Amino acid sequence: MNDTQTTSSSVTPAPTEVATPVVPAAVPVSATPVDDNPIVFYCKDCSEIVATSRVGGKYVYTCKKCGTKNVAFGTKKSIYGFFKLEDKEKAKLREAKREEKRRMQVGDKSIKPRVA
């Protein structure tokens, strides 16, 4: 054999460090929390968000308030956007404030003073 060749038994590999994997901090799976946009049920007959009960194994729900099956469901954001519920709620608040202001200016005649 040649003098320049070395046998595998004479060379020992240098000990290598085993790197421990770096585990990143907990990263949220989604950017928005699940509770931020829950599923809601909107009764088209009652025109409001309602509690429901499921009918059979399908995606059919009945309104617990009026009993009809005319119920739409989706995320809070989608239902409020599609049926424009925020606009309706704001209009109701505006009307209530106008009514209160009118009663304060005219004087509330619906409350009759007690006669002793």
PDB file of N, CA and C in Angstrom:
ATOM      1  N   MET A   1       0.809  -1.177   0.000  1.00  0.00           N
ATOM      2  CA  MET A   1       0.000   0.000   0.000  1.00  0.00           C
ATOM      3  C   MET A   1       0.850   1.238   0.000  1.00  0.00           C
ATOM      4  N   ASN A   2       0.176   2.303  -0.274  1.00  0.00           N
ATOM      5  CA  ASN A   2       0.853   3.569  -0.373  1.00  0.00           C
ATOM      6  C   ASN A   2       0.917   4.229   0.993  1.00  0.00           C
ATOM      7  N   ASP A   3       2.007   4.960   1.275  1.00  0.00           N
ATOM      8  CA  ASP A   3       2.168   5.614   2.559  1.00  0.00           C
ATOM      9  C   ASP A   3       1.198   6.772   2.747  1.00  0.00           C
ATOM     10  N   THR A   4       0.711   7.340   1.690  1.00  0.00           N
ATOM     11  CA  THR A   4      -0.185   8.496   1.800  1.00  0.00           C
ATOM     12  C   THR A   4      -1.617   8.093   2.131  1.00  0.00           C
ATOM     13  N   GLN A   5      -1.936   6.895   1.945  1.00  0.00           N
ATOM     14  CA  GLN A   5      -3.271   6.450   2.276  1.00  0.00           C
ATOM     15  C   GLN A   5      -3.363   6.143   3.748  1.00  0.00           C
ATOM     16  N   THR A   6      -4.482   6.519   4.355  1.00  0.00           N
ATOM     17  CA  THR A   6      -4.688   6.219   5.764  1.00  0.00           C
ATOM     18  C   THR A   6      -5.859   5.267   5.885  1.00  0.00           C
ATOM     19  N   THR A   7      -5.801   4.498   6.881  1.00  0.00           N
ATOM     20  CA  THR A   7      -6.891   3.559   7.095  1.00  0.00           C
ATOM     21  C   THR A   7      -7.961   4.214   7.932  1.00  0.00           C
ATOM     22  N   SER A   8      -9.122   3.704   7.818  1.00  0.00           N
ATOM     23  CA  SER A   8     -10.253   4.302   8.526  1.00  0.00           C
ATOM     24  C   SER A   8     -10.158   4.097  10.028  1.00  0.00           C
ATOM     25  N   SER A   9      -9.421   3.103  10.457  1.00  0.00           N
ATOM     26  CA  SER A   9      -9.306   2.853  11.889  1.00  0.00           C
ATOM     27  C   SER A   9      -8.366   3.841  12.569  1.00  0.00           C
ATOM     28  N   SER A  10      -7.440   4.423  11.824  1.00  0.00           N
ATOM     29  CA  SER A  10      -6.491   5.337  12.433  1.00  0.00           C
ATOM     30  C   SER A  10      -7.059   6.752  12.584  1.00  0.00           C
ATOM     31  N   VAL A  11      -8.083   7.121  11.822  1.00  0.00           N
ATOM     32  CA  VAL A  11      -8.647   8.465  11.901  1.00  0.00           C
ATOM     33  C   VAL A  11      -9.964   8.399  12.662  1.00  0.00           C
ATOM     34  N   THR A  12     -10.071   9.181  13.724  1.00  0.00           N
ATOM     35  CA  THR A  12     -11.328   9.240  14.477  1.00  0.00           C
ATOM     36  C   THR A  12     -12.003  10.568  14.188  1.00  0.00           C
ATOM     37  N   PRO A  13     -13.263  10.534  13.949  1.00  0.00           N
ATOM     38  CA  PRO A  13     -13.944  11.795  13.640  1.00  0.00           C
ATOM     39  C   PRO A  13     -14.005  12.682  14.876  1.00  0.00           C
ATOM     40  N   ALA A  14     -13.944  13.974  14.630  1.00  0.00           N
ATOM     41  CA  ALA A  14     -13.993  14.936  15.723  1.00  0.00           C
ATOM     42  C   ALA A  14     -15.414  14.962  16.289  1.00  0.00           C
ATOM     43  N   PRO A  15     -15.542  15.100  17.610  1.00  0.00           N
ATOM     44  CA  PRO A  15     -16.888  15.131  18.188  1.00  0.00           C
ATOM     45  C   PRO A  15     -17.632  16.386  17.719  1.00  0.00           C
ATOM     46  N   THR A  16     -18.856  16.196  17.347  1.00  0.00           N
ATOM     47  CA  THR A  16     -19.659  17.321  16.869  1.00  0.00           C
ATOM     48  C   THR A  16     -20.703  17.678  17.923  1.00  0.00           C
ATOM     49  N   GLU A  17     -21.003  18.953  17.994  1.00  0.00           N
ATOM     50  CA  GLU A  17     -22.029  19.388  18.930  1.00  0.00           C
ATOM     51  C   GLU A  17     -23.391  19.196  18.286  1.00  0.00           C
ATOM     52  N   VAL A  18     -24.275  18.687  19.061  1.00  0.00           N
ATOM     53  CA  VAL A  18     -25.634  18.517  18.568  1.00  0.00           C
ATOM     54  C   VAL A  18     -26.382  19.788  18.930  1.00  0.00           C
ATOM     55  N   ALA A  19     -26.847  20.485  17.905  1.00  0.00           N
ATOM     56  CA  ALA A  19     -27.560  21.753  18.132  1.00  0.00           C
ATOM     57  C   ALA A  19     -28.990  21.460  18.553  1.00  0.00           C
ATOM     58  N   THR A  20     -29.381  22.087  19.629  1.00  0.00           N
ATOM     59  CA  THR A  20     -30.770  21.933  20.051  1.00  0.00           C
ATOM     60  C   THR A  20     -31.631  22.858  19.207  1.00  0.00           C
ATOM     61  N   PRO A  21     -32.755  22.362  18.750  1.00  0.00           N
ATOM     62  CA  PRO A  21     -33.591  23.207  17.891  1.00  0.00           C
ATOM     63  C   PRO A  21     -34.169  24.378  18.676  1.00  0.00           C
ATOM     64  N   VAL A  22     -34.193  25.509  18.036  1.00  0.00           N
ATOM     65  CA  VAL A  22     -34.744  26.706  18.658  1.00  0.00           C
ATOM     66  C   VAL A  22     -36.238  26.722  18.390  1.00  0.00           C
ATOM     67  N   VAL A  23     -37.005  26.696  19.453  1.00  0.00           N
ATOM     68  CA  VAL A  23     -38.457  26.700  19.323  1.00  0.00           C
ATOM     69  C   VAL A  23     -38.926  28.143  19.414  1.00  0.00           C
ATOM     70  N   PRO A  24     -39.603  28.656  18.379  1.00  0.00           N
ATOM     71  CA  PRO A  24     -40.066  30.041  18.443  1.00  0.00           C
ATOM     72  C   PRO A  24     -41.187  30.185  19.465  1.00  0.00           C
ATOM     73  N   ALA A  25     -41.390  31.405  19.891  1.00  0.00           N
ATOM     74  CA  ALA A  25     -42.466  31.673  20.832  1.00  0.00           C
ATOM     75  C   ALA A  25     -43.799  31.337  20.170  1.00  0.00           C
ATOM     76  N   ALA A  26     -44.810  31.175  20.984  1.00  0.00           N
ATOM     77  CA  ALA A  26     -46.127  30.811  20.465  1.00  0.00           C
ATOM     78  C   ALA A  26     -46.606  31.861  19.469  1.00  0.00           C
ATOM     79  N   VAL A  27     -46.857  31.416  18.270  1.00  0.00           N
ATOM     80  CA  VAL A  27     -47.310  32.308  17.213  1.00  0.00           C
ATOM     81  C   VAL A  27     -48.790  32.035  16.989  1.00  0.00           C
ATOM     82  N   PRO A  28     -49.617  33.076  17.017  1.00  0.00           N
ATOM     83  CA  PRO A  28     -51.043  32.821  16.802  1.00  0.00           C
ATOM     84  C   PRO A  28     -51.298  32.304  15.399  1.00  0.00           C
ATOM     85  N   VAL A  29     -52.263  31.395  15.300  1.00  0.00           N
ATOM     86  CA  VAL A  29     -52.578  30.783  14.019  1.00  0.00           C
ATOM     87  C   VAL A  29     -53.247  31.788  13.095  1.00  0.00           C
ATOM     88  N   SER A  30     -54.190  32.552  13.639  1.00  0.00           N
ATOM     89  CA  SER A  30     -54.857  33.550  12.815  1.00  0.00           C
ATOM     90  C   SER A  30     -54.676  34.926  13.446  1.00  0.00           C
ATOM     91  N   ALA A  31     -54.818  35.942  12.646  1.00  0.00           N
ATOM     92  CA  ALA A  31     -54.605  37.302  13.122  1.00  0.00           C
ATOM     93  C   ALA A  31     -55.765  37.798  13.967  1.00  0.00           C
ATOM     94  N   THR A  32     -56.990  37.333  13.691  1.00  0.00           N
ATOM     95  CA  THR A  32     -58.147  37.784  14.460  1.00  0.00           C
ATOM     96  C   THR A  32     -58.582  36.689  15.407  1.00  0.00           C
ATOM     97  N   PRO A  33     -58.934  37.041  16.629  1.00  0.00           N
ATOM     98  CA  PRO A  33     -59.405  36.032  17.560  1.00  0.00           C
ATOM     99  C   PRO A  33     -60.747  35.453  17.117  1.00  0.00           C
ATOM    100  N   VAL A  34     -61.005  34.241  17.522  1.00  0.00           N
ATOM    101  CA  VAL A  34     -62.235  33.563  17.132  1.00  0.00           C
ATOM    102  C   VAL A  34     -63.442  34.242  17.777  1.00  0.00           C
ATOM    103  N   ASP A  35     -63.318  34.694  19.020  1.00  0.00           N
ATOM    104  CA  ASP A  35     -64.442  35.308  19.718  1.00  0.00           C
ATOM    105  C   ASP A  35     -64.790  36.688  19.173  1.00  0.00           C
ATOM    106  N   ASP A  36     -63.912  37.259  18.362  1.00  0.00           N
ATOM    107  CA  ASP A  36     -64.151  38.588  17.824  1.00  0.00           C
ATOM    108  C   ASP A  36     -65.285  38.592  16.802  1.00  0.00           C
ATOM    109  N   ASN A  37     -65.481  37.499  16.110  1.00  0.00           N
ATOM    110  CA  ASN A  37     -66.486  37.440  15.059  1.00  0.00           C
ATOM    111  C   ASN A  37     -67.256  36.119  15.130  1.00  0.00           C
ATOM    112  N   PRO A  38     -68.143  35.966  16.124  1.00  0.00           N
ATOM    113  CA  PRO A  38     -68.846  34.692  16.295  1.00  0.00           C
ATOM    114  C   PRO A  38     -69.969  34.504  15.270  1.00  0.00           C
ATOM    115  N   ILE A  39     -70.488  33.297  15.190  1.00  0.00           N
ATOM    116  CA  ILE A  39     -71.623  32.988  14.323  1.00  0.00           C
ATOM    117  C   ILE A  39     -72.895  33.481  15.012  1.00  0.00           C
ATOM    118  N   VAL A  40     -73.716  34.202  14.257  1.00  0.00           N
ATOM    119  CA  VAL A  40     -74.986  34.706  14.786  1.00  0.00           C
ATOM    120  C   VAL A  40     -76.106  34.261  13.858  1.00  0.00           C
ATOM    121  N   PHE A  41     -77.332  34.269  14.377  1.00  0.00           N
ATOM    122  CA  PHE A  41     -78.511  33.874  13.629  1.00  0.00           C
ATOM    123  C   PHE A  41     -79.451  35.067  13.545  1.00  0.00           C
ATOM    124  N   TYR A  42     -79.898  35.382  12.320  1.00  0.00           N
ATOM    125  CA  TYR A  42     -80.759  36.532  12.069  1.00  0.00           C
ATOM    126  C   TYR A  42     -82.095  36.035  11.533  1.00  0.00           C
ATOM    127  N   CYS A  43     -83.181  36.340  12.247  1.00  0.00           N
ATOM    128  CA  CYS A  43     -84.518  35.973  11.784  1.00  0.00           C
ATOM    129  C   CYS A  43     -85.008  37.073  10.853  1.00  0.00           C
ATOM    130  N   LYS A  44     -85.357  36.698   9.640  1.00  0.00           N
ATOM    131  CA  LYS A  44     -85.809  37.675   8.660  1.00  0.00           C
ATOM    132  C   LYS A  44     -87.217  38.165   8.967  1.00  0.00           C
ATOM    133  N   ASP A  45     -88.007  37.366   9.684  1.00  0.00           N
ATOM    134  CA  ASP A  45     -89.359  37.785  10.051  1.00  0.00           C
ATOM    135  C   ASP A  45     -89.345  38.731  11.245  1.00  0.00           C
ATOM    136  N   CYS A  46     -88.525  38.415  12.251  1.00  0.00           N
ATOM    137  CA  CYS A  46     -88.413  39.267  13.442  1.00  0.00           C
ATOM    138  C   CYS A  46     -87.517  40.482  13.179  1.00  0.00           C
ATOM    139  N   SER A  47     -86.678  40.398  12.177  1.00  0.00           N
ATOM    140  CA  SER A  47     -85.700  41.443  11.823  1.00  0.00           C
ATOM    141  C   SER A  47     -84.735  41.745  12.956  1.00  0.00           C
ATOM    142  N   GLU A  48     -84.239  40.687  13.583  1.00  0.00           N
ATOM    143  CA  GLU A  48     -83.250  40.865  14.650  1.00  0.00           C
ATOM    144  C   GLU A  48     -82.457  39.591  14.866  1.00  0.00           C
ATOM    145  N   ILE A  49     -81.371  39.724  15.601  1.00  0.00           N
ATOM    146  CA  ILE A  49     -80.539  38.586  15.983  1.00  0.00           C
ATOM    147  C   ILE A  49     -81.305  37.795  17.039  1.00  0.00           C
ATOM    148  N   VAL A  50     -81.441  36.474  16.844  1.00  0.00           N
ATOM    149  CA  VAL A  50     -82.266  35.669  17.734  1.00  0.00           C
ATOM    150  C   VAL A  50     -81.552  34.381  18.139  1.00  0.00           C
ATOM    151  N   ALA A  51     -82.110  33.713  19.132  1.00  0.00           N
ATOM    152  CA  ALA A  51     -81.672  32.377  19.513  1.00  0.00           C
ATOM    153  C   ALA A  51     -82.434  31.389  18.630  1.00  0.00           C
ATOM    154  N   THR A  52     -81.797  30.264  18.311  1.00  0.00           N
ATOM    155  CA  THR A  52     -82.408  29.303  17.398  1.00  0.00           C
ATOM    156  C   THR A  52     -82.319  27.896  17.937  1.00  0.00           C
ATOM    157  N   SER A  53     -83.063  27.003  17.303  1.00  0.00           N
ATOM    158  CA  SER A  53     -82.912  25.576  17.561  1.00  0.00           C
ATOM    159  C   SER A  53     -82.759  24.886  16.215  1.00  0.00           C
ATOM    160  N   ARG A  54     -81.931  23.873  16.179  1.00  0.00           N
ATOM    161  CA  ARG A  54     -81.603  23.189  14.926  1.00  0.00           C
ATOM    162  C   ARG A  54     -82.699  22.189  14.567  1.00  0.00           C
ATOM    163  N   VAL A  55     -82.997  22.084  13.277  1.00  0.00           N
ATOM    164  CA  VAL A  55     -84.006  21.155  12.782  1.00  0.00           C
ATOM    165  C   VAL A  55     -83.296  20.082  11.980  1.00  0.00           C
ATOM    166  N   GLY A  56     -83.335  18.843  12.450  1.00  0.00           N
ATOM    167  CA  GLY A  56     -82.728  17.733  11.722  1.00  0.00           C
ATOM    168  C   GLY A  56     -81.218  17.842  11.643  1.00  0.00           C
ATOM    169  N   GLY A  57     -80.647  17.168  10.655  1.00  0.00           N
ATOM    170  CA  GLY A  57     -79.200  17.148  10.477  1.00  0.00           C
ATOM    171  C   GLY A  57     -78.721  18.154   9.456  1.00  0.00           C
ATOM    172  N   LYS A  58     -79.614  18.925   8.919  1.00  0.00           N
ATOM    173  CA  LYS A  58     -79.248  19.895   7.887  1.00  0.00           C
ATOM    174  C   LYS A  58     -78.981  21.254   8.521  1.00  0.00           C
ATOM    175  N   TYR A  59     -78.656  22.219   7.674  1.00  0.00           N
ATOM    176  CA  TYR A  59     -78.410  23.582   8.133  1.00  0.00           C
ATOM    177  C   TYR A  59     -79.710  24.375   8.132  1.00  0.00           C
ATOM    178  N   VAL A  60     -80.703  23.872   8.861  1.00  0.00           N
ATOM    179  CA  VAL A  60     -81.991  24.541   8.970  1.00  0.00           C
ATOM    180  C   VAL A  60     -82.208  24.850  10.446  1.00  0.00           C
ATOM    181  N   TYR A  61     -82.559  26.092  10.736  1.00  0.00           N
ATOM    182  CA  TYR A  61     -82.763  26.526  12.106  1.00  0.00           C
ATOM    183  C   TYR A  61     -84.118  27.209  12.221  1.00  0.00           C
ATOM    184  N   THR A  62     -84.749  27.072  13.386  1.00  0.00           N
ATOM    185  CA  THR A  62     -86.002  27.767  13.638  1.00  0.00           C
ATOM    186  C   THR A  62     -85.768  28.840  14.683  1.00  0.00           C
ATOM    187  N   CYS A  63     -86.464  29.946  14.510  1.00  0.00           N
ATOM    188  CA  CYS A  63     -86.375  31.059  15.452  1.00  0.00           C
ATOM    189  C   CYS A  63     -87.134  30.684  16.712  1.00  0.00           C
ATOM    190  N   LYS A  64     -86.538  30.872  17.870  1.00  0.00           N
ATOM    191  CA  LYS A  64     -87.219  30.562  19.122  1.00  0.00           C
ATOM    192  C   LYS A  64     -88.251  31.621  19.489  1.00  0.00           C
ATOM    193  N   LYS A  65     -88.166  32.783  18.850  1.00  0.00           N
ATOM    194  CA  LYS A  65     -89.097  33.862  19.155  1.00  0.00           C
ATOM    195  C   LYS A  65     -90.408  33.702  18.384  1.00  0.00           C
ATOM    196  N   CYS A  66     -90.309  33.512  17.067  1.00  0.00           N
ATOM    197  CA  CYS A  66     -91.531  33.447  16.260  1.00  0.00           C
ATOM    198  C   CYS A  66     -91.813  32.043  15.717  1.00  0.00           C
ATOM    199  N   GLY A  67     -90.833  31.132  15.739  1.00  0.00           N
ATOM    200  CA  GLY A  67     -91.057  29.749  15.331  1.00  0.00           C
ATOM    201  C   GLY A  67     -90.893  29.478  13.842  1.00  0.00           C
ATOM    202  N   THR A  68     -90.538  30.455  13.031  1.00  0.00           N
ATOM    203  CA  THR A  68     -90.382  30.220  11.595  1.00  0.00           C
ATOM    204  C   THR A  68     -88.989  29.710  11.272  1.00  0.00           C
ATOM    205  N   LYS A  69     -88.857  29.176  10.063  1.00  0.00           N
ATOM    206  CA  LYS A  69     -87.565  28.665   9.591  1.00  0.00           C
ATOM    207  C   LYS A  69     -86.855  29.683   8.710  1.00  0.00           C
ATOM    208  N   ASN A  70     -87.284  30.909   8.728  1.00  0.00           N
ATOM    209  CA  ASN A  70     -86.726  31.952   7.882  1.00  0.00           C
ATOM    210  C   ASN A  70     -85.532  32.604   8.590  1.00  0.00           C
ATOM    211  N   VAL A  71     -84.501  31.801   8.830  1.00  0.00           N
ATOM    212  CA  VAL A  71     -83.350  32.232   9.620  1.00  0.00           C
ATOM    213  C   VAL A  71     -82.089  32.165   8.764  1.00  0.00           C
ATOM    214  N   ALA A  72     -81.339  33.258   8.761  1.00  0.00           N
ATOM    215  CA  ALA A  72     -80.037  33.300   8.099  1.00  0.00           C
ATOM    216  C   ALA A  72     -78.961  33.227   9.171  1.00  0.00           C
ATOM    217  N   PHE A  73     -77.814  32.638   8.835  1.00  0.00           N
ATOM    218  CA  PHE A  73     -76.727  32.586   9.805  1.00  0.00           C
ATOM    219  C   PHE A  73     -75.418  32.904   9.119  1.00  0.00           C
ATOM    220  N   GLY A  74     -74.493  33.412   9.908  1.00  0.00           N
ATOM    221  CA  GLY A  74     -73.172  33.760   9.400  1.00  0.00           C
ATOM    222  C   GLY A  74     -72.395  34.446  10.497  1.00  0.00           C
ATOM    223  N   THR A  75     -71.226  34.961  10.154  1.00  0.00           N
ATOM    224  CA  THR A  75     -70.449  35.672  11.155  1.00  0.00           C
ATOM    225  C   THR A  75     -71.151  36.983  11.477  1.00  0.00           C
ATOM    226  N   LYS A  76     -70.844  37.521  12.616  1.00  0.00           N
ATOM    227  CA  LYS A  76     -71.471  38.772  13.035  1.00  0.00           C
ATOM    228  C   LYS A  76     -71.205  39.872  12.014  1.00  0.00           C
ATOM    229  N   LYS A  77     -69.988  39.922  11.535  1.00  0.00           N
ATOM    230  CA  LYS A  77     -69.610  40.951  10.567  1.00  0.00           C
ATOM    231  C   LYS A  77     -70.401  40.805   9.269  1.00  0.00           C
ATOM    232  N   SER A  78     -70.547  39.584   8.772  1.00  0.00           N
ATOM    233  CA  SER A  78     -71.243  39.385   7.501  1.00  0.00           C
ATOM    234  C   SER A  78     -72.740  39.651   7.627  1.00  0.00           C
ATOM    235  N   ILE A  79     -73.366  39.214   8.706  1.00  0.00           N
ATOM    236  CA  ILE A  79     -74.806  39.436   8.903  1.00  0.00           C
ATOM    237  C   ILE A  79     -75.091  40.924   9.080  1.00  0.00           C
ATOM    238  N   TYR A  80     -74.300  41.604   9.901  1.00  0.00           N
ATOM    239  CA  TYR A  80     -74.510  43.035  10.109  1.00  0.00           C
ATOM    240  C   TYR A  80     -74.273  43.819   8.818  1.00  0.00           C
ATOM    241  N   GLY A  81     -73.331  43.371   7.992  1.00  0.00           N
ATOM    242  CA  GLY A  81     -73.069  44.049   6.730  1.00  0.00           C
ATOM    243  C   GLY A  81     -74.149  43.790   5.692  1.00  0.00           C
ATOM    244  N   PHE A  82     -74.592  42.536   5.575  1.00  0.00           N
ATOM    245  CA  PHE A  82     -75.567  42.178   4.553  1.00  0.00           C
ATOM    246  C   PHE A  82     -76.940  42.780   4.841  1.00  0.00           C
ATOM    247  N   PHE A  83     -77.394  42.684   6.089  1.00  0.00           N
ATOM    248  CA  PHE A  83     -78.719  43.192   6.443  1.00  0.00           C
ATOM    249  C   PHE A  83     -78.688  44.634   6.936  1.00  0.00           C
ATOM    250  N   LYS A  84     -77.504  45.244   6.945  1.00  0.00           N
ATOM    251  CA  LYS A  84     -77.317  46.642   7.352  1.00  0.00           C
ATOM    252  C   LYS A  84     -77.921  46.914   8.736  1.00  0.00           C
ATOM    253  N   LEU A  85     -77.605  46.051   9.681  1.00  0.00           N
ATOM    254  CA  LEU A  85     -78.159  46.155  11.034  1.00  0.00           C
ATOM    255  C   LEU A  85     -77.587  47.339  11.794  1.00  0.00           C
ATOM    256  N   GLU A  86     -76.328  47.679  11.545  1.00  0.00           N
ATOM    257  CA  GLU A  86     -75.726  48.814  12.253  1.00  0.00           C
ATOM    258  C   GLU A  86     -76.451  50.102  11.897  1.00  0.00           C
ATOM    259  N   ASP A  87     -76.802  50.239  10.621  1.00  0.00           N
ATOM    260  CA  ASP A  87     -77.520  51.437  10.190  1.00  0.00           C
ATOM    261  C   ASP A  87     -78.893  51.510  10.844  1.00  0.00           C
ATOM    262  N   LYS A  88     -79.571  50.371  10.954  1.00  0.00           N
ATOM    263  CA  LYS A  88     -80.896  50.329  11.575  1.00  0.00           C
ATOM    264  C   LYS A  88     -80.805  50.665  13.061  1.00  0.00           C
ATOM    265  N   GLU A  89     -79.764  50.145  13.737  1.00  0.00           N
ATOM    266  CA  GLU A  89     -79.593  50.428  15.163  1.00  0.00           C
ATOM    267  C   GLU A  89     -79.281  51.904  15.399  1.00  0.00           C
ATOM    268  N   LYS A  90     -78.453  52.471  14.540  1.00  0.00           N
ATOM    269  CA  LYS A  90     -78.123  53.887  14.660  1.00  0.00           C
ATOM    270  C   LYS A  90     -79.360  54.744  14.418  1.00  0.00           C
ATOM    271  N   ALA A  91     -80.200  54.353  13.461  1.00  0.00           N
ATOM    272  CA  ALA A  91     -81.431  55.099  13.178  1.00  0.00           C
ATOM    273  C   ALA A  91     -82.383  55.040  14.367  1.00  0.00           C
ATOM    274  N   LYS A  92     -82.481  53.886  15.020  1.00  0.00           N
ATOM    275  CA  LYS A  92     -83.342  53.757  16.205  1.00  0.00           C
ATOM    276  C   LYS A  92     -82.841  54.653  17.331  1.00  0.00           C
ATOM    277  N   LEU A  93     -81.526  54.696  17.531  1.00  0.00           N
ATOM    278  CA  LEU A  93     -80.967  55.550  18.579  1.00  0.00           C
ATOM    279  C   LEU A  93     -81.214  57.026  18.276  1.00  0.00           C
ATOM    280  N   ARG A  94     -81.036  57.411  17.009  1.00  0.00           N
ATOM    281  CA  ARG A  94     -81.302  58.796  16.618  1.00  0.00           C
ATOM    282  C   ARG A  94     -82.754  59.171  16.868  1.00  0.00           C
ATOM    283  N   GLU A  95     -83.662  58.283  16.508  1.00  0.00           N
ATOM    284  CA  GLU A  95     -85.090  58.546  16.693  1.00  0.00           C
ATOM    285  C   GLU A  95     -85.440  58.652  18.175  1.00  0.00           C
ATOM    286  N   ALA A  96     -84.838  57.805  19.003  1.00  0.00           N
ATOM    287  CA  ALA A  96     -85.090  57.854  20.433  1.00  0.00           C
ATOM    288  C   ALA A  96     -84.586  59.172  21.027  1.00  0.00           C
ATOM    289  N   LYS A  97     -83.428  59.635  20.574  1.00  0.00           N
ATOM    290  CA  LYS A  97     -82.888  60.904  21.065  1.00  0.00           C
ATOM    291  C   LYS A  97     -83.770  62.077  20.630  1.00  0.00           C
ATOM    292  N   ARG A  98     -84.257  62.028  19.386  1.00  0.00           N
ATOM    293  CA  ARG A  98     -85.154  63.085  18.904  1.00  0.00           C
ATOM    294  C   ARG A  98     -86.439  63.127  19.724  1.00  0.00           C
ATOM    295  N   GLU A  99     -86.983  61.954  19.998  1.00  0.00           N
ATOM    296  CA  GLU A  99     -88.222  61.865  20.786  1.00  0.00           C
ATOM    297  C   GLU A  99     -87.998  62.405  22.194  1.00  0.00           C
ATOM    298  N   GLU A 100     -86.877  62.053  22.799  1.00  0.00           N
ATOM    299  CA  GLU A 100     -86.574  62.542  24.151  1.00  0.00           C
ATOM    300  C   GLU A 100     -86.396  64.061  24.143  1.00  0.00           C
ATOM    301  N   LYS A 101     -85.721  64.559  23.138  1.00  0.00           N
ATOM    302  CA  LYS A 101     -85.510  66.003  23.038  1.00  0.00           C
ATOM    303  C   LYS A 101     -86.844  66.733  22.846  1.00  0.00           C
ATOM    304  N   ARG A 102     -87.729  66.174  22.015  1.00  0.00           N
ATOM    305  CA  ARG A 102     -89.046  66.764  21.792  1.00  0.00           C
ATOM    306  C   ARG A 102     -89.871  66.785  23.071  1.00  0.00           C
ATOM    307  N   ARG A 103     -89.810  65.705  23.826  1.00  0.00           N
ATOM    308  CA  ARG A 103     -90.553  65.635  25.091  1.00  0.00           C
ATOM    309  C   ARG A 103     -90.032  66.655  26.096  1.00  0.00           C
ATOM    310  N   MET A 104     -88.724  66.868  26.098  1.00  0.00           N
ATOM    311  CA  MET A 104     -88.141  67.832  27.036  1.00  0.00           C
ATOM    312  C   MET A 104     -88.551  69.260  26.667  1.00  0.00           C
ATOM    313  N   GLN A 105     -88.657  69.565  25.366  1.00  0.00           N
ATOM    314  CA  GLN A 105     -89.024  70.907  24.927  1.00  0.00           C
ATOM    315  C   GLN A 105     -90.512  71.179  25.167  1.00  0.00           C
ATOM    316  N   VAL A 106     -91.362  70.242  24.840  1.00  0.00           N
ATOM    317  CA  VAL A 106     -92.806  70.421  24.957  1.00  0.00           C
ATOM    318  C   VAL A 106     -93.257  70.158  26.388  1.00  0.00           C
ATOM    319  N   GLY A 107     -92.605  69.289  27.044  1.00  0.00           N
ATOM    320  CA  GLY A 107     -93.037  68.853  28.366  1.00  0.00           C
ATOM    321  C   GLY A 107     -93.762  67.539  28.198  1.00  0.00           C
ATOM    322  N   ASP A 108     -93.417  66.582  28.981  1.00  0.00           N
ATOM    323  CA  ASP A 108     -93.993  65.250  28.839  1.00  0.00           C
ATOM    324  C   ASP A 108     -95.402  65.242  29.398  1.00  0.00           C
ATOM    325  N   LYS A 109     -96.398  65.176  28.524  1.00  0.00           N
ATOM    326  CA  LYS A 109     -97.793  65.183  28.955  1.00  0.00           C
ATOM    327  C   LYS A 109     -98.312  63.778  29.178  1.00  0.00           C
ATOM    328  N   SER A 110     -97.503  62.777  28.860  1.00  0.00           N
ATOM    329  CA  SER A 110     -97.957  61.409  29.090  1.00  0.00           C
ATOM    330  C   SER A 110     -97.922  61.068  30.568  1.00  0.00           C
ATOM    331  N   ILE A 111     -97.119  61.777  31.347  1.00  0.00           N
ATOM    332  CA  ILE A 111     -97.063  61.565  32.796  1.00  0.00           C
ATOM    333  C   ILE A 111     -97.960  62.626  33.426  1.00  0.00           C
ATOM    334  N   LYS A 112     -99.053  62.168  33.994  1.00  0.00           N
ATOM    335  CA  LYS A 112    -100.016  63.102  34.577  1.00  0.00           C
ATOM    336  C   LYS A 112     -99.661  63.308  36.045  1.00  0.00           C
ATOM    337  N   PRO A 113     -99.732  64.551  36.502  1.00  0.00           N
ATOM    338  CA  PRO A 113     -99.432  64.798  37.916  1.00  0.00           C
ATOM    339  C   PRO A 113    -100.528  64.217  38.800  1.00  0.00           C
ATOM    340  N   ARG A 114    -100.129  63.736  39.984  1.00  0.00           N
ATOM    341  CA  ARG A 114    -101.101  63.172  40.931  1.00  0.00           C
ATOM    342  C   ARG A 114    -101.874  64.291  41.610  1.00  0.00           C
ATOM    343  N   VAL A 115    -103.124  64.086  41.713  1.00  0.00           N
ATOM    344  CA  VAL A 115    -103.966  65.032  42.408  1.00  0.00           C
ATOM    345  C   VAL A 115    -104.248  64.464  43.785  1.00  0.00           C
ATOM    346  N   ALA A 116    -103.913  65.226  44.830  1.00  0.00           N
ATOM    347  CA  ALA A 116    -104.107  64.716  46.185  1.00  0.00           C
ATOM    348  C   ALA A 116    -105.437  65.106  46.758  1.00  0.00           C
TER     349      ALA A 116
END
